[in-house]
């Protein structure tokens, strides 16, 4: 049994309240990782195209605000 399979088995045996607590923790960890990845991508210039698209849309008066 792999470590992931073991963890999956343990999760499946949790009572609902503990599962809900784990799900919340996992979601928060996932968002933290997402935020870190966005920060790294922004620092590396990988998102610069989004700024350029927004500037072009603004110049063409087609920028939509949400």
PDB file of N, CA and C in Angstrom:
ATOM      1  N   UNK A   1       0.847  -1.183   0.000  1.00  0.00           N
ATOM      2  CA  UNK A   1       0.000   0.000   0.000  1.00  0.00           C
ATOM      3  C   UNK A   1       0.887   1.239   0.000  1.00  0.00           C
ATOM      4  N   UNK A   2       0.600   2.150  -0.920  1.00  0.00           N
ATOM      5  CA  UNK A   2       1.381   3.387  -0.977  1.00  0.00           C
ATOM      6  C   UNK A   2       0.940   4.322   0.147  1.00  0.00           C
ATOM      7  N   UNK A   3       1.732   5.347   0.363  1.00  0.00           N
ATOM      8  CA  UNK A   3       1.401   6.320   1.399  1.00  0.00           C
ATOM      9  C   UNK A   3       0.068   7.018   1.078  1.00  0.00           C
ATOM     10  N   UNK A   4      -0.144   7.340  -0.186  1.00  0.00           N
ATOM     11  CA  UNK A   4      -1.390   7.991  -0.588  1.00  0.00           C
ATOM     12  C   UNK A   4      -2.572   7.059  -0.342  1.00  0.00           C
ATOM     13  N   UNK A   5      -2.436   5.811  -0.700  1.00  0.00           N
ATOM     14  CA  UNK A   5      -3.520   4.849  -0.469  1.00  0.00           C
ATOM     15  C   UNK A   5      -3.823   4.715   1.025  1.00  0.00           C
ATOM     16  N   UNK A   6      -2.772   4.720   1.844  1.00  0.00           N
ATOM     17  CA  UNK A   6      -2.959   4.656   3.291  1.00  0.00           C
ATOM     18  C   UNK A   6      -3.722   5.875   3.783  1.00  0.00           C
ATOM     19  N   UNK A   7      -3.309   7.061   3.326  1.00  0.00           N
ATOM     20  CA  UNK A   7      -3.976   8.300   3.733  1.00  0.00           C
ATOM     21  C   UNK A   7      -5.432   8.291   3.277  1.00  0.00           C
ATOM     22  N   UNK A   8      -5.674   7.848   2.046  1.00  0.00           N
ATOM     23  CA  UNK A   8      -7.043   7.767   1.550  1.00  0.00           C
ATOM     24  C   UNK A   8      -7.892   6.855   2.437  1.00  0.00           C
ATOM     25  N   UNK A   9      -7.339   5.732   2.810  1.00  0.00           N
ATOM     26  CA  UNK A   9      -8.051   4.788   3.667  1.00  0.00           C
ATOM     27  C   UNK A   9      -8.365   5.421   5.022  1.00  0.00           C
ATOM     28  N   UNK A  10      -7.416   6.120   5.576  1.00  0.00           N
ATOM     29  CA  UNK A  10      -7.618   6.790   6.861  1.00  0.00           C
ATOM     30  C   UNK A  10      -8.687   7.881   6.753  1.00  0.00           C
ATOM     31  N   UNK A  11      -8.661   8.626   5.670  1.00  0.00           N
ATOM     32  CA  UNK A  11      -9.657   9.677   5.466  1.00  0.00           C
ATOM     33  C   UNK A  11     -11.050   9.079   5.367  1.00  0.00           C
ATOM     34  N   UNK A  12     -11.172   7.983   4.639  1.00  0.00           N
ATOM     35  CA  UNK A  12     -12.477   7.338   4.483  1.00  0.00           C
ATOM     36  C   UNK A  12     -13.036   6.819   5.802  1.00  0.00           C
ATOM     37  N   UNK A  13     -12.177   6.586   6.761  1.00  0.00           N
ATOM     38  CA  UNK A  13     -12.651   6.070   8.047  1.00  0.00           C
ATOM     39  C   UNK A  13     -12.973   7.180   9.049  1.00  0.00           C
ATOM     40  N   UNK A  14     -12.756   8.429   8.678  1.00  0.00           N
ATOM     41  CA  UNK A  14     -13.018   9.541   9.592  1.00  0.00           C
ATOM     42  C   UNK A  14     -14.518   9.765   9.786  1.00  0.00           C
ATOM     43  N   UNK A  15     -14.895  10.173  10.995  1.00  0.00           N
ATOM     44  CA  UNK A  15     -16.281  10.617  11.179  1.00  0.00           C
ATOM     45  C   UNK A  15     -16.490  11.922  10.393  1.00  0.00           C
ATOM     46  N   UNK A  16     -17.748  12.217  10.059  1.00  0.00           N
ATOM     47  CA  UNK A  16     -18.032  13.360   9.191  1.00  0.00           C
ATOM     48  C   UNK A  16     -17.432  14.666   9.732  1.00  0.00           C
ATOM     49  N   UNK A  17     -17.539  14.905  11.029  1.00  0.00           N
ATOM     50  CA  UNK A  17     -17.030  16.170  11.581  1.00  0.00           C
ATOM     51  C   UNK A  17     -15.526  16.308  11.379  1.00  0.00           C
ATOM     52  N   UNK A  18     -14.796  15.225  11.533  1.00  0.00           N
ATOM     53  CA  UNK A  18     -13.352  15.253  11.323  1.00  0.00           C
ATOM     54  C   UNK A  18     -13.028  15.384   9.829  1.00  0.00           C
ATOM     55  N   UNK A  19     -13.824  14.724   8.998  1.00  0.00           N
ATOM     56  CA  UNK A  19     -13.641  14.852   7.560  1.00  0.00           C
ATOM     57  C   UNK A  19     -13.854  16.306   7.122  1.00  0.00           C
ATOM     58  N   UNK A  20     -14.890  16.949   7.652  1.00  0.00           N
ATOM     59  CA  UNK A  20     -15.174  18.344   7.316  1.00  0.00           C
ATOM     60  C   UNK A  20     -14.020  19.243   7.754  1.00  0.00           C
ATOM     61  N   UNK A  21     -13.485  18.976   8.928  1.00  0.00           N
ATOM     62  CA  UNK A  21     -12.335  19.752   9.431  1.00  0.00           C
ATOM     63  C   UNK A  21     -11.122  19.563   8.514  1.00  0.00           C
ATOM     64  N   UNK A  22     -10.871  18.341   8.112  1.00  0.00           N
ATOM     65  CA  UNK A  22      -9.757  18.044   7.217  1.00  0.00           C
ATOM     66  C   UNK A  22      -9.967  18.699   5.854  1.00  0.00           C
ATOM     67  N   UNK A  23     -11.204  18.644   5.351  1.00  0.00           N
ATOM     68  CA  UNK A  23     -11.522  19.249   4.055  1.00  0.00           C
ATOM     69  C   UNK A  23     -11.248  20.753   4.090  1.00  0.00           C
ATOM     70  N   UNK A  24     -11.631  21.407   5.171  1.00  0.00           N
ATOM     71  CA  UNK A  24     -11.389  22.844   5.321  1.00  0.00           C
ATOM     72  C   UNK A  24      -9.884  23.119   5.339  1.00  0.00           C
ATOM     73  N   UNK A  25      -9.139  22.345   6.105  1.00  0.00           N
ATOM     74  CA  UNK A  25      -7.696  22.520   6.190  1.00  0.00           C
ATOM     75  C   UNK A  25      -7.050  22.321   4.821  1.00  0.00           C
ATOM     76  N   UNK A  26      -7.491  21.276   4.121  1.00  0.00           N
ATOM     77  CA  UNK A  26      -6.927  20.959   2.818  1.00  0.00           C
ATOM     78  C   UNK A  26      -7.214  22.077   1.821  1.00  0.00           C
ATOM     79  N   UNK A  27      -8.415  22.599   1.829  1.00  0.00           N
ATOM     80  CA  UNK A  27      -8.783  23.696   0.926  1.00  0.00           C
ATOM     81  C   UNK A  27      -7.919  24.923   1.206  1.00  0.00           C
ATOM     82  N   UNK A  28      -7.686  25.225   2.475  1.00  0.00           N
ATOM     83  CA  UNK A  28      -6.839  26.369   2.829  1.00  0.00           C
ATOM     84  C   UNK A  28      -5.406  26.155   2.341  1.00  0.00           C
ATOM     85  N   UNK A  29      -4.895  24.959   2.497  1.00  0.00           N
ATOM     86  CA  UNK A  29      -3.543  24.644   2.017  1.00  0.00           C
ATOM     87  C   UNK A  29      -3.467  24.773   0.502  1.00  0.00           C
ATOM     88  N   UNK A  30      -4.516  24.313  -0.171  1.00  0.00           N
ATOM     89  CA  UNK A  30      -4.559  24.397  -1.623  1.00  0.00           C
ATOM     90  C   UNK A  30      -4.530  25.854  -2.077  1.00  0.00           C
ATOM     91  N   UNK A  31      -5.316  26.718  -1.428  1.00  0.00           N
ATOM     92  CA  UNK A  31      -5.317  28.146  -1.775  1.00  0.00           C
ATOM     93  C   UNK A  31      -3.960  28.775  -1.481  1.00  0.00           C
ATOM     94  N   UNK A  32      -3.307  28.383  -0.392  1.00  0.00           N
ATOM     95  CA  UNK A  32      -1.969  28.906  -0.078  1.00  0.00           C
ATOM     96  C   UNK A  32      -0.989  28.562  -1.203  1.00  0.00           C
ATOM     97  N   UNK A  33      -1.047  27.325  -1.665  1.00  0.00           N
ATOM     98  CA  UNK A  33      -0.169  26.908  -2.767  1.00  0.00           C
ATOM     99  C   UNK A  33      -0.480  27.690  -4.037  1.00  0.00           C
ATOM    100  N   UNK A  34      -1.771  27.895  -4.313  1.00  0.00           N
ATOM    101  CA  UNK A  34      -2.190  28.665  -5.485  1.00  0.00           C
ATOM    102  C   UNK A  34      -1.631  30.086  -5.397  1.00  0.00           C
ATOM    103  N   UNK A  35      -1.777  30.716  -4.223  1.00  0.00           N
ATOM    104  CA  UNK A  35      -1.269  32.076  -4.033  1.00  0.00           C
ATOM    105  C   UNK A  35       0.241  32.139  -4.261  1.00  0.00           C
ATOM    106  N   UNK A  36       0.965  31.165  -3.726  1.00  0.00           N
ATOM    107  CA  UNK A  36       2.419  31.139  -3.913  1.00  0.00           C
ATOM    108  C   UNK A  36       2.779  30.996  -5.392  1.00  0.00           C
ATOM    109  N   UNK A  37       2.050  30.146  -6.108  1.00  0.00           N
ATOM    110  CA  UNK A  37       2.322  29.941  -7.527  1.00  0.00           C
ATOM    111  C   UNK A  37       2.039  31.212  -8.319  1.00  0.00           C
ATOM    112  N   UNK A  38       0.944  31.896  -8.008  1.00  0.00           N
ATOM    113  CA  UNK A  38       0.620  33.154  -8.683  1.00  0.00           C
ATOM    114  C   UNK A  38       1.721  34.178  -8.420  1.00  0.00           C
ATOM    115  N   UNK A  39       2.173  34.280  -7.182  1.00  0.00           N
ATOM    116  CA  UNK A  39       3.238  35.224  -6.839  1.00  0.00           C
ATOM    117  C   UNK A  39       4.517  34.904  -7.612  1.00  0.00           C
ATOM    118  N   UNK A  40       4.864  33.626  -7.697  1.00  0.00           N
ATOM    119  CA  UNK A  40       6.075  33.230  -8.421  1.00  0.00           C
ATOM    120  C   UNK A  40       5.924  33.519  -9.916  1.00  0.00           C
ATOM    121  N   UNK A  41       4.761  33.217 -10.472  1.00  0.00           N
ATOM    122  CA  UNK A  41       4.524  33.479 -11.892  1.00  0.00           C
ATOM    123  C   UNK A  41       4.570  34.977 -12.182  1.00  0.00           C
ATOM    124  N   UNK A  42       3.988  35.776 -11.299  1.00  0.00           N
ATOM    125  CA  UNK A  42       4.005  37.224 -11.489  1.00  0.00           C
ATOM    126  C   UNK A  42       5.439  37.750 -11.420  1.00  0.00           C
ATOM    127  N   UNK A  43       6.198  37.280 -10.453  1.00  0.00           N
ATOM    128  CA  UNK A  43       7.587  37.727 -10.306  1.00  0.00           C
ATOM    129  C   UNK A  43       8.432  37.322 -11.508  1.00  0.00           C
ATOM    130  N   UNK A  44       8.092  36.207 -12.115  1.00  0.00           N
ATOM    131  CA  UNK A  44       8.845  35.717 -13.278  1.00  0.00           C
ATOM    132  C   UNK A  44       8.367  36.349 -14.587  1.00  0.00           C
ATOM    133  N   UNK A  45       7.331  37.190 -14.507  1.00  0.00           N
ATOM    134  CA  UNK A  45       6.843  37.855 -15.707  1.00  0.00           C
ATOM    135  C   UNK A  45       5.878  37.023 -16.529  1.00  0.00           C
ATOM    136  N   UNK A  46       5.466  35.881 -16.009  1.00  0.00           N
ATOM    137  CA  UNK A  46       4.588  35.000 -16.771  1.00  0.00           C
ATOM    138  C   UNK A  46       3.170  35.556 -16.928  1.00  0.00           C
ATOM    139  N   UNK A  47       2.829  36.564 -16.130  1.00  0.00           N
ATOM    140  CA  UNK A  47       1.488  37.135 -16.195  1.00  0.00           C
ATOM    141  C   UNK A  47       1.473  38.518 -16.847  1.00  0.00           C
ATOM    142  N   UNK A  48       2.626  38.936 -17.340  1.00  0.00           N
ATOM    143  CA  UNK A  48       2.715  40.263 -17.950  1.00  0.00           C
ATOM    144  C   UNK A  48       1.756  40.425 -19.124  1.00  0.00           C
ATOM    145  N   UNK A  49       1.474  39.339 -19.818  1.00  0.00           N
ATOM    146  CA  UNK A  49       0.558  39.425 -20.959  1.00  0.00           C
ATOM    147  C   UNK A  49      -0.827  39.899 -20.524  1.00  0.00           C
ATOM    148  N   UNK A  50      -1.214  39.598 -19.284  1.00  0.00           N
ATOM    149  CA  UNK A  50      -2.514  40.048 -18.791  1.00  0.00           C
ATOM    150  C   UNK A  50      -2.541  41.566 -18.627  1.00  0.00           C
ATOM    151  N   UNK A  51      -1.448  42.119 -18.169  1.00  0.00           N
ATOM    152  CA  UNK A  51      -1.348  43.576 -18.027  1.00  0.00           C
ATOM    153  C   UNK A  51      -1.413  44.220 -19.398  1.00  0.00           C
ATOM    154  N   UNK A  52      -0.697  43.643 -20.347  1.00  0.00           N
ATOM    155  CA  UNK A  52      -0.707  44.190 -21.707  1.00  0.00           C
ATOM    156  C   UNK A  52      -2.098  44.112 -22.333  1.00  0.00           C
ATOM    157  N   UNK A  53      -2.804  43.011 -22.102  1.00  0.00           N
ATOM    158  CA  UNK A  53      -4.169  42.880 -22.615  1.00  0.00           C
ATOM    159  C   UNK A  53      -5.076  43.942 -22.008  1.00  0.00           C
ATOM    160  N   UNK A  54      -4.941  44.174 -20.711  1.00  0.00           N
ATOM    161  CA  UNK A  54      -5.760  45.182 -20.038  1.00  0.00           C
ATOM    162  C   UNK A  54      -5.432  46.578 -20.556  1.00  0.00           C
ATOM    163  N   UNK A  55      -4.153  46.868 -20.741  1.00  0.00           N
ATOM    164  CA  UNK A  55      -3.762  48.191 -21.276  1.00  0.00           C
ATOM    165  C   UNK A  55      -4.304  48.385 -22.690  1.00  0.00           C
ATOM    166  N   UNK A  56      -4.241  47.357 -23.508  1.00  0.00           N
ATOM    167  CA  UNK A  56      -4.746  47.448 -24.879  1.00  0.00           C
ATOM    168  C   UNK A  56      -6.257  47.660 -24.871  1.00  0.00           C
ATOM    169  N   UNK A  57      -6.966  46.933 -24.009  1.00  0.00           N
ATOM    170  CA  UNK A  57      -8.416  47.093 -23.919  1.00  0.00           C
ATOM    171  C   UNK A  57      -8.778  48.490 -23.432  1.00  0.00           C
ATOM    172  N   UNK A  58      -7.998  49.006 -22.482  1.00  0.00           N
ATOM    173  CA  UNK A  58      -8.254  50.358 -21.989  1.00  0.00           C
ATOM    174  C   UNK A  58      -8.025  51.377 -23.091  1.00  0.00           C
ATOM    175  N   UNK A  59      -6.960  51.205 -23.844  1.00  0.00           N
ATOM    176  CA  UNK A  59      -6.657  52.131 -24.932  1.00  0.00           C
ATOM    177  C   UNK A  59      -7.747  52.106 -26.004  1.00  0.00           C
ATOM    178  N   UNK A  60      -8.366  50.954 -26.195  1.00  0.00           N
ATOM    179  CA  UNK A  60      -9.428  50.813 -27.193  1.00  0.00           C
ATOM    180  C   UNK A  60     -10.806  51.104 -26.596  1.00  0.00           C
ATOM    181  N   UNK A  61     -10.811  51.509 -25.333  1.00  0.00           N
ATOM    182  CA  UNK A  61     -12.038  51.809 -24.598  1.00  0.00           C
ATOM    183  C   UNK A  61     -12.981  50.602 -24.547  1.00  0.00           C
ATOM    184  N   UNK A  62     -12.393  49.404 -24.448  1.00  0.00           N
ATOM    185  CA  UNK A  62     -13.190  48.177 -24.349  1.00  0.00           C
ATOM    186  C   UNK A  62     -12.951  47.428 -23.037  1.00  0.00           C
ATOM    187  N   UNK A  63     -12.257  48.095 -22.117  1.00  0.00           N
ATOM    188  CA  UNK A  63     -11.960  47.478 -20.826  1.00  0.00           C
ATOM    189  C   UNK A  63     -13.240  47.317 -20.022  1.00  0.00           C
ATOM    190  N   UNK A  64     -13.486  46.110 -19.550  1.00  0.00           N
ATOM    191  CA  UNK A  64     -14.684  45.846 -18.749  1.00  0.00           C
ATOM    192  C   UNK A  64     -14.277  45.636 -17.305  1.00  0.00           C
ATOM    193  N   UNK A  65     -14.944  46.327 -16.426  1.00  0.00           N
ATOM    194  CA  UNK A  65     -14.688  46.167 -15.008  1.00  0.00           C
ATOM    195  C   UNK A  65     -15.722  45.241 -14.402  1.00  0.00           C
ATOM    196  N   UNK A  66     -15.265  44.398 -13.542  1.00  0.00           N
ATOM    197  CA  UNK A  66     -16.167  43.441 -12.891  1.00  0.00           C
ATOM    198  C   UNK A  66     -16.414  43.880 -11.470  1.00  0.00           C
TER     199      UNK A  66
END
